[in-house]
C-alpha atoms as a PDB file:
ATOM      1  CA  MET A   1      -3.852  12.832 -32.354  1.00  0.00           C
ATOM      2  CA  ASN A   2      -4.163   9.193 -32.944  1.00  0.00           C
ATOM      3  CA  PHE A   3      -7.118   7.984 -31.537  1.00  0.00           C
ATOM      4  CA  ASP A   4      -7.068   4.199 -32.497  1.00  0.00           C
ATOM      5  CA  LYS A   5      -6.019   2.478 -29.257  1.00  0.00           C
ATOM      6  CA  ILE A   6      -8.738   4.377 -27.660  1.00  0.00           C
ATOM      7  CA  GLU A   7     -11.910   2.316 -26.947  1.00  0.00           C
ATOM      8  CA  ASN A   8     -13.594   4.144 -24.628  1.00  0.00           C
ATOM      9  CA  ILE A   9     -13.355   7.264 -22.025  1.00  0.00           C
ATOM     10  CA  LYS A  10     -15.697   8.074 -19.215  1.00  0.00           C
ATOM     11  CA  LEU A  11     -16.107  11.105 -16.937  1.00  0.00           C
ATOM     12  CA  SER A  12     -17.530  10.464 -13.655  1.00  0.00           C
ATOM     13  CA  LEU A  13     -18.813  12.911 -10.709  1.00  0.00           C
ATOM     14  CA  MET A  14     -18.351  11.720  -7.696  1.00  0.00           C
ATOM     15  CA  GLU A  15     -18.996  12.337  -3.934  1.00  0.00           C
ATOM     16  CA  SER A  16     -15.626  10.954  -1.548  1.00  0.00           C
ATOM     17  CA  ILE A  17     -16.914   8.898   1.211  1.00  0.00           C
ATOM     18  CA  GLY A  18     -14.188   7.660   4.276  1.00  0.00           C
ATOM     19  CA  GLU A  19     -11.312   8.800   4.934  1.00  0.00           C
ATOM     20  CA  MET A  20      -7.778   9.185   2.397  1.00  0.00           C
ATOM     21  CA  ASP A  21      -5.464   6.677   3.194  1.00  0.00           C
ATOM     22  CA  LYS A  22      -1.533   6.581   3.038  1.00  0.00           C
ATOM     23  CA  LYS A  23      -1.593   6.083  -0.831  1.00  0.00           C
ATOM     24  CA  HIS A  24      -3.745   9.054  -1.032  1.00  0.00           C
ATOM     25  CA  LYS A  25      -6.871   6.943  -2.007  1.00  0.00           C
ATOM     26  CA  THR A  26     -10.397   6.972  -0.734  1.00  0.00           C
ATOM     27  CA  GLU A  27     -13.373   5.547  -1.784  1.00  0.00           C
ATOM     28  CA  TYR A  28     -16.297   6.988  -4.337  1.00  0.00           C
ATOM     29  CA  ILE A  29     -20.070   6.873  -4.845  1.00  0.00           C
ATOM     30  CA  ILE A  30     -20.357   7.932  -8.393  1.00  0.00           C
ATOM     31  CA  ARG A  31     -23.441  10.102  -8.966  1.00  0.00           C
ATOM     32  CA  ALA A  32     -23.392  10.709 -12.626  1.00  0.00           C
ATOM     33  CA  SER A  33     -21.259   9.772 -15.641  1.00  0.00           C
ATOM     34  CA  ALA A  34     -20.691  10.515 -19.460  1.00  0.00           C
ATOM     35  CA  TYR A  35     -18.994   8.018 -21.781  1.00  0.00           C
ATOM     36  CA  ILE A  36     -17.323   8.208 -25.270  1.00  0.00           C
ATOM     37  CA  VAL A  37     -17.265   5.242 -27.242  1.00  0.00           C
ATOM     38  CA  MET A  38     -14.744   5.218 -29.836  1.00  0.00           C
ATOM     39  CA  ASN A  39     -15.972   4.503 -33.618  1.00  0.00           C
ATOM     40  CA  ASP A  40     -15.465   6.390 -36.682  1.00  0.00           C
ATOM     41  CA  MET A  41     -17.530   8.917 -36.106  1.00  0.00           C
ATOM     42  CA  VAL A  42     -16.407  10.091 -32.930  1.00  0.00           C
ATOM     43  CA  LYS A  43     -12.559  10.085 -33.870  1.00  0.00           C
ATOM     44  CA  ASN A  44     -13.993  12.615 -36.682  1.00  0.00           C
ATOM     45  CA  THR A  45     -15.729  15.216 -34.033  1.00  0.00           C
ATOM     46  CA  LEU A  46     -12.794  14.808 -31.714  1.00  0.00           C
ATOM     47  CA  ILE A  47     -10.286  15.654 -34.275  1.00  0.00           C
ATOM     48  CA  LYS A  48     -12.666  18.207 -35.630  1.00  0.00           C
ATOM     49  CA  HIS A  49     -13.741  20.250 -32.170  1.00  0.00           C
ATOM     50  CA  GLY A  50     -10.481  19.183 -30.233  1.00  0.00           C
ATOM     51  CA  ILE A  51     -10.714  16.508 -27.547  1.00  0.00           C
ATOM     52  CA  GLU A  52     -10.237  19.048 -24.682  1.00  0.00           C
ATOM     53  CA  ASN A  53     -13.291  20.978 -25.932  1.00  0.00           C
ATOM     54  CA  VAL A  54     -15.232  17.866 -25.892  1.00  0.00           C
ATOM     55  CA  LEU A  55     -13.870  17.094 -22.625  1.00  0.00           C
ATOM     56  CA  THR A  56     -14.865  20.045 -21.209  1.00  0.00           C
ATOM     57  CA  ALA A  57     -17.930  20.096 -22.302  1.00  0.00           C
ATOM     58  CA  MET A  58     -18.885  16.852 -21.221  1.00  0.00           C
ATOM     59  CA  TYR A  59     -17.786  17.913 -17.459  1.00  0.00           C
ATOM     60  CA  ASN A  60     -19.465  21.298 -17.704  1.00  0.00           C
ATOM     61  CA  ASP A  61     -23.000  19.315 -18.900  1.00  0.00           C
ATOM     62  CA  LEU A  62     -22.179  16.675 -16.150  1.00  0.00           C
ATOM     63  CA  LEU A  63     -22.001  19.565 -13.511  1.00  0.00           C
ATOM     64  CA  GLU A  64     -24.651  21.681 -14.931  1.00  0.00           C
ATOM     65  CA  GLU A  65     -26.978  18.737 -14.241  1.00  0.00           C
ATOM     66  CA  ASN A  66     -25.735  16.880 -11.057  1.00  0.00           C
ATOM     67  CA  ASN A  67     -24.087  19.472  -8.827  1.00  0.00           C
ATOM     68  CA  ASP A  68     -25.084  17.886  -5.348  1.00  0.00           C
ATOM     69  CA  ASN A  69     -23.212  15.759  -3.320  1.00  0.00           C
ATOM     70  CA  VAL A  70     -20.478  15.900  -5.663  1.00  0.00           C
ATOM     71  CA  ASP A  71     -16.719  16.959  -4.777  1.00  0.00           C
ATOM     72  CA  SER A  72     -14.494  14.918  -6.803  1.00  0.00           C
ATOM     73  CA  ILE A  73     -14.292  13.958 -10.560  1.00  0.00           C
ATOM     74  CA  GLY A  74     -13.054  10.509 -11.942  1.00  0.00           C
ATOM     75  CA  ILE A  75     -12.093   9.731 -15.689  1.00  0.00           C
ATOM     76  CA  TRP A  76     -11.342   6.217 -16.947  1.00  0.00           C
ATOM     77  CA  MET A  77      -9.998   5.576 -20.302  1.00  0.00           C
ATOM     78  CA  ASN A  78      -9.436   1.865 -22.059  1.00  0.00           C
ATOM     79  CA  TYR A  79      -6.309   2.196 -24.026  1.00  0.00           C
ATOM     80  CA  ASP A  80      -4.953  -0.943 -25.989  1.00  0.00           C
ATOM     81  CA  GLY A  81      -6.698  -3.338 -24.064  1.00  0.00           C
ATOM     82  CA  LYS A  82      -5.798  -1.881 -20.458  1.00  0.00           C
ATOM     83  CA  GLU A  83      -7.849   0.186 -18.448  1.00  0.00           C
ATOM     84  CA  TYR A  84      -6.330   3.650 -16.910  1.00  0.00           C
ATOM     85  CA  GLU A  85      -7.946   5.837 -14.224  1.00  0.00           C
ATOM     86  CA  ASN A  86      -7.235   9.013 -12.003  1.00  0.00           C
ATOM     87  CA  SER A  87      -9.308  11.027  -9.662  1.00  0.00           C
ATOM     88  CA  ILE A  88      -9.319  14.812  -8.170  1.00  0.00           C
ATOM     89  CA  LYS A  89     -11.210  17.365  -5.972  1.00  0.00           C
ATOM     90  CA  LEU A  90     -13.108  19.399  -7.886  1.00  0.00           C
ATOM     91  CA  ASP A  91     -11.698  22.566  -5.574  1.00  0.00           C
ATOM     92  CA  THR A  92      -8.378  21.439  -7.147  1.00  0.00           C
ATOM     93  CA  LEU A  93      -9.178  21.174 -10.676  1.00  0.00           C
ATOM     94  CA  ASP A  94     -10.748  24.628 -10.630  1.00  0.00           C
ATOM     95  CA  ASN A  95      -7.653  25.626  -8.878  1.00  0.00           C
ATOM     96  CA  MET A  96      -5.534  24.190 -11.844  1.00  0.00           C
ATOM     97  CA  GLU A  97      -7.232  26.590 -14.173  1.00  0.00           C
ATOM     98  CA  LYS A  98      -7.473  29.824 -12.110  1.00  0.00           C
ATOM     99  CA  PHE A  99      -3.541  29.845 -10.972  1.00  0.00           C
ATOM    100  CA  ASN A 100      -2.151  29.117 -14.170  1.00  0.00           C
ATOM    101  CA  ASP A 101      -1.353  31.672 -16.823  1.00  0.00           C
ATOM    102  CA  GLU A 102      -2.064  30.141 -19.755  1.00  0.00           C
ATOM    103  CA  GLU A 103      -5.344  29.233 -20.887  1.00  0.00           C
ATOM    104  CA  ILE A 104      -5.919  25.260 -20.257  1.00  0.00           C
ATOM    105  CA  TYR A 105      -8.418  22.770 -20.206  1.00  0.00           C
ATOM    106  CA  PRO A 106      -8.529  21.148 -16.618  1.00  0.00           C
ATOM    107  CA  VAL A 107     -10.365  18.338 -17.340  1.00  0.00           C
ATOM    108  CA  PHE A 108      -8.280  17.939 -20.467  1.00  0.00           C
ATOM    109  CA  GLU A 109      -4.955  18.103 -18.212  1.00  0.00           C
ATOM    110  CA  LEU A 110      -6.158  15.527 -16.024  1.00  0.00           C
ATOM    111  CA  PHE A 111      -6.664  13.230 -18.973  1.00  0.00           C
ATOM    112  CA  LYS A 112      -3.255  13.545 -20.376  1.00  0.00           C
ATOM    113  CA  LEU A 113      -2.334  12.624 -16.447  1.00  0.00           C
ATOM    114  CA  LEU A 114      -3.784   9.104 -17.024  1.00  0.00           C
ATOM    115  CA  SER A 115      -2.571   8.477 -20.185  1.00  0.00           C
ATOM    116  CA  PRO A 116       0.150   5.715 -20.974  1.00  0.00           C
ATOM    117  CA  LYS A 117       3.543   7.031 -20.480  1.00  0.00           C
ATOM    118  CA  LYS A 118       4.768   5.637 -23.679  1.00  0.00           C
ATOM    119  CA  ASP A 119       2.294   7.370 -25.733  1.00  0.00           C
ATOM    120  CA  LYS A 120       3.871  10.284 -26.776  1.00  0.00           C
ATOM    121  CA  LYS A 121       0.994  11.285 -28.741  1.00  0.00           C
ATOM    122  CA  ILE A 122      -1.455  12.016 -25.905  1.00  0.00           C
ATOM    123  CA  LYS A 123       1.247  13.273 -23.904  1.00  0.00           C
ATOM    124  CA  ASN A 124       2.635  15.972 -26.057  1.00  0.00           C
ATOM    125  CA  LEU A 125      -0.443  17.795 -26.950  1.00  0.00           C
END
């Protein structure tokens, strides 16, 4: 995977407030966040350990420390000068793994969903 265009990635545990609108959007309070700021060392670590493992470890560490009042996860990525974002309920994220026949990394699947459509290197991991 080519990480050259990724500037940073942020995972946040959030609490949803209010009702969903017609576009399935709602407001959130961010309760805790973890960041990856890209540099050569971080790129080497992601290649060595796998971005799916690093994102999963970040998510698990966030949950361990901040499990109260959270029901959603948000992910942001600055890529080639643009910000991409996505969020999902924690229950839905957990069900992605439970109801899949293959071993998957749900947080990594969410990351791939927010990735730019034109970047096949991310989508086809």
